[in-house]
């Protein structure tokens, strides 16, 4: 019998959308080994020459003209893509989408970016008969995500569900699953053992990340970080920002045995395990991974748009604070240094992290939800997804087919 097929469609504007798609694909494999998933960045797949140029232009605009990006985001915040825009997207950039879907023959399509979501919605209006699920990859919802052809929205929080309902989406078409993370982030490793394996000192450790495009940080703050290297171990993950990697390696204050400077790495899960605090821009994926690991955060002031909304959510929920000044870094590092012999040197509002997962996030939930949508007749429902999410109850709706403690 043919294996069920899930097609996940994303786009390369930033790294979070595609990262979420891959995380969900791996999660589906973990929960349902017999399901085949495939992730495609649709624009790049169909237009391998033009798409990288568009993504590069977007990245440059975001860094050079952030106020313009913010203005566009805000003015279009409550608006779905109109019919003319969807037609233009399809005719100019996504003309072969129907052929791709026909060849791959998926049982369901999951979109993690508004553009492929709009294109599949248009194909459904023209007769495509495949369930369409939309995974919203932030802690807010822009109007461009919304299309009447979507069968179900998979969202991060009850607040995002409420925003969709305000915009007319029926409650029955929204499921609170949390943003998916790779199964590597479902559990935490032994901090001391991993530090030894990775050649790190067993001392307070700060991990600094800036997403796939690299860290963007004030020079004064960078000097403040380096000044703590005798007391706090620093690991810089700079992604594809080779220019900054080369620059930092030439600056004397960063030539310290307790400072690691890394480019792109697949070891983020282990690096979070060895760390006591994460300093990052508030991207939805990175922050969700840290939340799953129980790692408190300090936020680089966010870029305009969804990063601002993500930051507001995590700060209000007590998962971290914004670096308004170098004093924020100094206070947290002093706290880590003074409590280096204690388990979990966190302020009271972050004590939830000491025991592992936040009580409001179950990292397996999204993958389990997709299984439930694929196989509703075999699902053993013990709680609703809202109850599961809000209470942090790790239910096992797949108990007949899969037991995570025993393996498939």
Protein backbone atom coordinates (compact mmCIF):
# COMPACT_ATOMS: atom_id res chain seq x y z
CA UNK A 1 0.00 0.00 0.00
CA UNK A 2 1.29 3.47 -0.90
CA UNK A 3 2.73 5.48 1.98
CA UNK A 4 0.79 8.66 2.86
CA UNK A 5 2.49 11.74 1.45
CA UNK A 6 2.80 15.21 2.96
CA UNK A 7 4.06 18.09 0.81
CA UNK A 8 5.41 21.06 2.78
CA UNK A 9 5.82 24.27 0.78
CA UNK A 10 7.89 27.21 1.99
CA UNK A 11 9.80 30.23 0.71
CA UNK A 12 13.29 31.60 1.30
CA UNK A 13 12.42 35.00 2.79
CA UNK A 14 14.54 34.54 5.90
CA UNK A 15 15.26 31.04 7.18
CA UNK A 16 12.46 30.47 9.69
CA UNK A 17 9.71 29.43 7.28
CA UNK A 18 11.73 26.64 5.70
CA UNK A 19 13.25 25.68 9.03
CA UNK A 20 9.73 25.19 10.41
CA UNK A 21 8.82 23.04 7.42
CA UNK A 22 11.86 20.79 7.89
CA UNK A 23 11.25 20.61 11.64
CA UNK A 24 7.68 19.46 11.04
CA UNK A 25 8.80 16.94 8.41
CA UNK A 26 11.25 15.39 10.88
CA UNK A 27 8.62 15.47 13.61
CA UNK A 28 6.12 13.68 11.38
CA UNK A 29 8.75 11.03 10.65
CA UNK A 30 9.34 10.60 14.39
CA UNK A 31 5.65 10.29 15.24
CA UNK A 32 4.54 8.48 12.06
CA UNK A 33 7.48 6.59 10.47
CA UNK A 34 5.28 5.32 7.64
CA UNK A 35 4.44 8.84 6.38
CA UNK A 36 6.60 10.33 3.60
CA UNK A 37 7.21 14.09 3.80
CA UNK A 38 8.91 16.39 1.33
CA UNK A 39 9.90 20.05 1.83
CA UNK A 40 10.20 22.41 -1.14
CA UNK A 41 11.02 26.12 -1.27
CA UNK A 42 8.60 26.55 -4.12
CA UNK A 43 9.91 29.74 -5.72
CA UNK A 44 13.52 28.55 -5.68
CA UNK A 45 12.49 25.13 -6.96
CA UNK A 46 10.57 26.59 -9.91
CA UNK A 47 12.90 29.55 -10.56
CA UNK A 48 16.42 28.56 -9.41
CA UNK A 49 18.03 31.56 -11.13
CA UNK A 50 15.59 34.37 -10.33
CA UNK A 51 14.50 33.42 -6.80
CA UNK A 52 17.91 33.88 -5.10
CA UNK A 53 18.10 37.38 -6.57
CA UNK A 54 14.70 38.26 -5.13
CA UNK A 55 15.60 36.87 -1.70
CA UNK A 56 18.90 38.77 -1.74
CA UNK A 57 17.11 42.01 -2.62
CA UNK A 58 14.64 41.42 0.22
CA UNK A 59 17.47 40.83 2.68
CA UNK A 60 19.27 44.01 1.57
CA UNK A 61 16.07 46.06 1.85
CA UNK A 62 15.47 44.70 5.34
CA UNK A 63 18.93 45.73 6.50
CA UNK A 64 19.16 49.08 4.68
CA UNK A 65 15.54 50.28 4.81
CA UNK A 66 13.93 48.67 7.89
CA UNK A 67 11.44 51.54 8.28
CA UNK A 68 10.15 50.90 4.76
CA UNK A 69 9.69 47.21 5.54
CA UNK A 70 7.88 48.14 8.76
CA UNK A 71 5.58 50.53 6.87
CA UNK A 72 4.68 47.88 4.29
CA UNK A 73 4.08 45.29 7.01
CA UNK A 74 1.79 47.60 8.99
CA UNK A 75 -0.20 49.00 6.07
CA UNK A 76 -0.97 45.50 4.80
CA UNK A 77 -1.39 43.94 8.25
CA UNK A 78 -5.13 43.27 8.05
CA UNK A 79 -5.28 42.61 4.31
CA UNK A 80 -5.24 39.27 2.54
CA UNK A 81 -3.53 39.04 -0.83
CA UNK A 82 -6.09 40.22 -3.39
CA UNK A 83 -7.11 38.23 -6.43
CA UNK A 84 -4.94 40.26 -8.81
CA UNK A 85 -1.84 39.72 -6.64
CA UNK A 86 -2.52 35.98 -6.43
CA UNK A 87 -2.95 35.83 -10.20
CA UNK A 88 0.31 37.72 -10.73
CA UNK A 89 2.19 35.46 -8.30
CA UNK A 90 0.89 32.40 -10.11
CA UNK A 91 1.48 33.61 -13.66
CA UNK A 92 4.90 35.18 -13.09
CA UNK A 93 6.54 33.04 -10.42
CA UNK A 94 4.55 29.87 -9.79
CA UNK A 95 3.29 28.80 -13.20
CA UNK A 96 4.34 25.15 -12.79
CA UNK A 97 2.92 24.61 -9.29
CA UNK A 98 -0.01 22.52 -10.47
CA UNK A 99 2.39 20.27 -12.36
CA UNK A 100 4.56 19.82 -9.23
CA UNK A 101 1.54 18.85 -7.15
CA UNK A 102 0.31 16.49 -9.86
CA UNK A 103 3.66 14.72 -10.07
CA UNK A 104 4.20 14.38 -6.31
CA UNK A 105 0.57 13.37 -5.58
CA UNK A 106 0.50 14.47 -1.91
CA UNK A 107 -2.37 13.51 0.38
CA UNK A 108 -2.15 16.91 2.09
CA UNK A 109 -0.28 20.16 1.47
CA UNK A 110 1.10 22.22 4.36
CA UNK A 111 2.32 25.76 3.65
CA UNK A 112 4.70 27.59 5.96
CA UNK A 113 4.80 30.85 3.97
CA UNK A 114 1.94 33.05 2.67
CA UNK A 115 3.02 32.94 -1.00
CA UNK A 116 2.71 29.18 -1.66
CA UNK A 117 -0.32 29.26 0.59
CA UNK A 118 -1.97 31.79 -1.75
CA UNK A 119 -0.97 29.84 -4.88
CA UNK A 120 -2.35 26.51 -3.61
CA UNK A 121 -5.51 28.33 -2.51
CA UNK A 122 -5.94 29.64 -6.05
CA UNK A 123 -5.46 26.14 -7.49
CA UNK A 124 -8.09 24.82 -5.09
CA UNK A 125 -10.56 27.42 -6.38
CA UNK A 126 -9.82 26.07 -9.86
CA UNK A 127 -10.59 22.50 -8.84
CA UNK A 128 -7.56 21.07 -7.01
CA UNK A 129 -9.00 18.64 -4.47
CA UNK A 130 -6.30 18.34 -1.78
CA UNK A 131 -6.57 19.42 1.88
CA UNK A 132 -4.56 22.58 2.54
CA UNK A 133 -3.16 23.27 6.00
CA UNK A 134 -1.37 26.51 6.87
CA UNK A 135 1.31 26.53 9.55
CA UNK A 136 1.76 30.11 10.78
CA UNK A 137 5.41 30.36 11.82
CA UNK A 138 5.27 33.39 14.13
CA UNK A 139 3.50 34.56 17.28
CA UNK A 140 1.30 36.94 15.31
CA UNK A 141 -0.72 36.59 12.11
CA UNK A 142 -0.44 38.93 9.13
CA UNK A 143 -3.44 39.19 6.84
CA UNK A 144 -1.56 37.64 3.92
CA UNK A 145 -1.76 34.22 5.62
CA UNK A 146 -5.56 34.13 5.37
CA UNK A 147 -7.38 32.41 2.50
CA UNK A 148 -10.89 30.89 2.54
CA UNK A 149 -9.61 27.74 0.81
CA UNK A 150 -7.44 26.76 3.81
CA UNK A 151 -8.89 23.70 5.55
CA UNK A 152 -7.12 24.30 8.85
CA UNK A 153 -4.66 26.72 10.40
CA UNK A 154 -1.97 25.36 12.75
CA UNK A 155 -1.00 28.20 15.07
CA UNK A 156 1.43 28.99 17.86
CA UNK A 157 -0.77 30.32 20.68
CA UNK A 158 -4.35 31.00 21.78
CA UNK A 159 -3.66 34.69 21.02
CA UNK A 160 -3.01 33.91 17.34
CA UNK A 161 -6.17 31.79 17.25
CA UNK A 162 -8.12 34.76 18.60
CA UNK A 163 -6.66 37.06 15.93
CA UNK A 164 -7.77 34.67 13.19
CA UNK A 165 -11.26 34.45 14.67
CA UNK A 166 -11.49 38.25 14.73
CA UNK A 167 -10.73 38.19 10.99
CA UNK A 168 -13.56 35.76 10.33
CA UNK A 169 -11.86 32.36 10.40
CA UNK A 170 -14.16 29.81 12.09
CA UNK A 171 -12.82 28.40 15.34
CA UNK A 172 -13.24 24.86 13.99
CA UNK A 173 -10.61 25.62 11.32
CA UNK A 174 -7.91 26.63 13.81
CA UNK A 175 -5.78 24.26 15.87
CA UNK A 176 -3.27 25.39 18.49
CA UNK A 177 -0.21 23.22 18.00
CA UNK A 178 2.72 25.48 18.79
CA UNK A 179 5.43 26.08 16.21
CA UNK A 180 7.19 22.78 15.47
CA UNK A 181 10.85 22.23 16.30
CA UNK A 182 13.15 19.44 15.15
CA UNK A 183 12.99 16.32 17.37
CA UNK A 184 16.55 17.13 18.48
CA UNK A 185 14.95 19.90 20.54
CA UNK A 186 12.30 17.68 22.13
CA UNK A 187 14.70 16.62 24.88
CA UNK A 188 17.64 18.25 26.68
CA UNK A 189 21.12 16.74 26.97
CA UNK A 190 23.50 16.60 29.93
CA UNK A 191 25.13 20.03 30.13
CA UNK A 192 28.37 19.02 31.85
CA UNK A 193 28.91 15.94 29.70
CA UNK A 194 28.25 17.83 26.46
CA UNK A 195 30.61 20.64 27.44
CA UNK A 196 33.35 18.08 27.91
CA UNK A 197 32.57 16.40 24.56
CA UNK A 198 32.64 19.75 22.74
CA UNK A 199 35.88 20.89 24.34
CA UNK A 200 34.20 23.68 26.31
CA UNK A 201 34.88 24.88 29.83
CA UNK A 202 32.42 23.87 32.56
CA UNK A 203 31.48 27.45 33.41
CA UNK A 204 28.57 29.86 32.82
CA UNK A 205 27.94 29.94 29.06
CA UNK A 206 26.14 32.37 26.77
CA UNK A 207 25.08 31.40 23.25
CA UNK A 208 24.70 34.23 20.74
CA UNK A 209 22.68 33.65 17.58
CA UNK A 210 21.34 35.84 14.82
CA UNK A 211 19.44 33.40 12.64
CA UNK A 212 20.64 32.05 9.30
CA UNK A 213 21.72 35.51 8.14
CA UNK A 214 24.04 36.03 11.11
CA UNK A 215 24.23 38.22 14.20
CA UNK A 216 23.58 41.95 13.95
CA UNK A 217 24.61 43.67 17.16
CA UNK A 218 25.75 47.04 18.45
CA UNK A 219 29.55 47.41 18.68
CA UNK A 220 29.35 48.69 22.28
CA UNK A 221 27.36 45.61 23.29
CA UNK A 222 29.86 43.34 21.58
CA UNK A 223 32.70 44.89 23.62
CA UNK A 224 30.64 44.42 26.79
CA UNK A 225 30.22 40.74 25.96
CA UNK A 226 33.93 40.25 25.34
CA UNK A 227 34.80 41.92 28.65
CA UNK A 228 33.11 39.03 30.48
CA UNK A 229 35.05 36.26 28.76
CA UNK A 230 37.08 35.41 31.90
CA UNK A 231 33.85 34.67 33.78
CA UNK A 232 31.30 33.74 31.10
CA UNK A 233 32.06 31.48 28.15
CA UNK A 234 30.81 32.97 24.85
CA UNK A 235 29.72 31.01 21.78
CA UNK A 236 28.93 33.10 18.70
CA UNK A 237 26.85 31.45 15.94
CA UNK A 238 27.03 33.87 13.03
CA UNK A 239 25.30 31.84 10.33
CA UNK A 240 26.23 32.91 6.81
CA UNK A 241 27.60 36.29 7.90
CA UNK A 242 31.16 35.52 6.78
CA UNK A 243 32.07 39.20 6.78
CA UNK A 244 31.39 39.46 10.50
CA UNK A 245 33.14 36.15 11.23
CA UNK A 246 36.32 37.41 9.52
CA UNK A 247 36.08 40.77 11.28
CA UNK A 248 35.63 39.27 14.76
CA UNK A 249 38.55 36.89 14.29
CA UNK A 250 40.81 39.90 13.69
CA UNK A 251 39.71 41.87 16.79
CA UNK A 252 42.05 41.24 19.75
CA UNK A 253 39.35 41.19 22.45
CA UNK A 254 37.69 38.19 20.77
CA UNK A 255 40.94 36.19 20.71
CA UNK A 256 40.15 34.62 24.05
CA UNK A 257 40.17 30.89 24.93
CA UNK A 258 36.63 31.17 26.31
CA UNK A 259 35.22 32.61 23.06
CA UNK A 260 34.10 30.40 20.16
CA UNK A 261 33.22 31.96 16.79
CA UNK A 262 31.18 29.69 14.54
CA UNK A 263 29.52 30.04 11.16
CA UNK A 264 26.69 27.84 9.99
CA UNK A 265 26.31 24.81 12.23
CA UNK A 266 23.99 21.83 12.65
CA UNK A 267 24.85 21.63 16.36
CA UNK A 268 22.36 24.25 17.59
CA UNK A 269 20.50 21.74 19.78
CA UNK A 270 23.70 20.70 21.58
CA UNK A 271 24.87 24.30 21.83
CA UNK A 272 21.61 25.24 23.54
CA UNK A 273 22.08 22.31 25.92
CA UNK A 274 25.50 23.57 27.06
CA UNK A 275 24.32 27.18 27.47
CA UNK A 276 22.77 29.09 30.36
CA UNK A 277 21.35 31.98 28.35
CA UNK A 278 20.63 32.69 24.68
CA UNK A 279 21.21 36.11 23.14
CA UNK A 280 19.33 36.34 19.85
CA UNK A 281 17.15 38.31 17.52
CA UNK A 282 13.54 37.28 18.21
CA UNK A 283 12.90 34.97 15.27
CA UNK A 284 9.98 32.63 15.80
CA UNK A 285 11.93 29.42 15.20
CA UNK A 286 15.04 30.13 17.27
CA UNK A 287 13.00 31.37 20.21
CA UNK A 288 10.70 28.35 20.06
CA UNK A 289 13.71 26.02 20.05
CA UNK A 290 15.06 27.80 23.12
CA UNK A 291 11.66 27.59 24.79
CA UNK A 292 11.54 23.85 24.11
CA UNK A 293 15.02 23.49 25.64
CA UNK A 294 14.15 25.59 28.68
CA UNK A 295 16.76 28.23 27.84
CA UNK A 296 16.12 31.83 28.99
CA UNK A 297 16.69 34.56 26.43
CA UNK A 298 17.97 38.10 25.94
CA UNK A 299 16.69 39.76 22.77
CA UNK A 300 18.57 41.98 20.36
CA UNK A 301 16.15 44.83 19.50
CA UNK A 302 13.87 43.34 16.83
CA UNK A 303 13.61 44.14 13.15
CA UNK A 304 10.31 45.72 12.05
CA UNK A 305 7.37 43.40 11.44
CA UNK A 306 6.87 39.92 12.82
CA UNK A 307 10.05 40.02 14.91
CA UNK A 308 8.53 42.85 16.95
CA UNK A 309 5.42 40.75 17.58
CA UNK A 310 7.47 37.67 18.48
CA UNK A 311 9.53 39.73 20.90
CA UNK A 312 6.44 41.16 22.57
CA UNK A 313 5.01 37.68 23.09
CA UNK A 314 8.15 36.19 24.65
CA UNK A 315 8.82 39.21 26.87
CA UNK A 316 5.25 39.39 28.15
CA UNK A 317 5.25 35.64 28.78
CA UNK A 318 8.43 35.97 30.86
CA UNK A 319 10.72 33.96 28.60
CA UNK A 320 13.25 36.77 28.17
CA UNK A 321 13.95 40.49 28.05
CA UNK A 322 15.09 43.03 25.47
CA UNK A 323 18.66 44.36 25.56
CA UNK A 324 17.75 48.04 25.86
CA UNK A 325 21.26 48.83 27.13
CA UNK A 326 24.51 47.08 28.01
CA UNK A 327 23.32 47.01 31.63
CA UNK A 328 20.93 44.19 30.71
CA UNK A 329 23.90 42.06 29.62
CA UNK A 330 25.97 43.09 32.63
CA UNK A 331 23.21 42.23 35.11
CA UNK A 332 22.50 38.81 33.58
CA UNK A 333 26.17 37.88 33.27
CA UNK A 334 26.88 38.99 36.83
CA UNK A 335 24.01 36.82 37.99
CA UNK A 336 25.38 33.82 36.06
CA UNK A 337 28.87 34.39 37.37
CA UNK A 338 27.78 34.74 41.00
CA UNK A 339 25.62 31.63 40.84
CA UNK A 340 27.84 29.41 38.71
CA UNK A 341 27.77 26.61 41.29
CA UNK A 342 23.96 26.53 41.49
CA UNK A 343 21.50 24.68 39.25
CA UNK A 344 19.55 27.22 37.23
CA UNK A 345 20.66 30.75 38.09
CA UNK A 346 17.54 32.42 36.72
CA UNK A 347 15.32 35.28 37.87
CA UNK A 348 12.05 34.21 39.44
CA UNK A 349 9.94 34.86 36.36
CA UNK A 350 12.02 32.29 34.44
CA UNK A 351 12.02 29.56 37.10
CA UNK A 352 9.71 27.58 34.83
CA UNK A 353 12.78 26.60 32.85
CA UNK A 354 14.51 24.72 35.65
CA UNK A 355 12.35 21.63 35.20
CA UNK A 356 12.60 21.52 31.41
CA UNK A 357 9.82 22.38 28.96
CA UNK A 358 7.73 25.45 29.50
CA UNK A 359 4.31 24.42 30.83
CA UNK A 360 2.74 26.10 27.80
CA UNK A 361 4.60 24.25 25.06
CA UNK A 362 4.58 20.62 23.97
CA UNK A 363 7.14 20.24 21.13
CA UNK A 364 5.53 17.03 19.85
CA UNK A 365 2.09 18.56 19.44
CA UNK A 366 2.31 19.86 15.85
CA UNK A 367 3.60 16.57 14.42
CA UNK A 368 0.92 14.67 16.32
CA UNK A 369 -1.73 17.07 14.98
CA UNK A 370 -0.67 16.34 11.39
CA UNK A 371 -0.94 12.60 12.07
CA UNK A 372 -4.41 13.17 13.50
CA UNK A 373 -5.41 15.06 10.33
CA UNK A 374 -4.05 12.30 8.10
CA UNK A 375 -5.59 9.45 10.10
CA UNK A 376 -8.62 10.77 12.01
CA UNK A 377 -10.15 7.30 12.32
CA UNK A 378 -7.14 5.94 14.25
CA UNK A 379 -6.68 8.90 16.59
CA UNK A 380 -7.22 8.32 20.26
CA UNK A 381 -8.20 11.81 21.43
CA UNK A 382 -7.67 12.34 25.16
CA UNK A 383 -7.70 16.15 25.27
CA UNK A 384 -8.32 18.95 22.80
CA UNK A 385 -5.29 20.62 21.27
CA UNK A 386 -6.07 23.80 23.22
CA UNK A 387 -6.08 21.91 26.52
CA UNK A 388 -2.91 20.08 25.52
CA UNK A 389 -1.17 23.32 24.62
CA UNK A 390 -2.35 25.46 27.52
CA UNK A 391 -1.69 22.86 30.19
CA UNK A 392 1.48 21.44 28.67
CA UNK A 393 0.06 17.92 28.91
CA UNK A 394 2.04 15.51 26.77
CA UNK A 395 -0.80 13.30 25.62
CA UNK A 396 -0.16 10.32 23.40
CA UNK A 397 -2.96 10.21 20.81
CA UNK A 398 -0.93 7.71 18.79
CA UNK A 399 -0.55 5.20 21.61
CA UNK A 400 -1.74 2.32 19.45
CA UNK A 401 0.76 3.01 16.68
CA UNK A 402 3.70 4.64 18.42
CA UNK A 403 5.14 4.93 21.91
CA UNK A 404 7.94 7.56 22.06
CA UNK A 405 9.55 5.86 25.07
CA UNK A 406 9.89 2.59 23.15
CA UNK A 407 10.35 3.82 19.61
CA UNK A 408 8.37 2.90 16.50
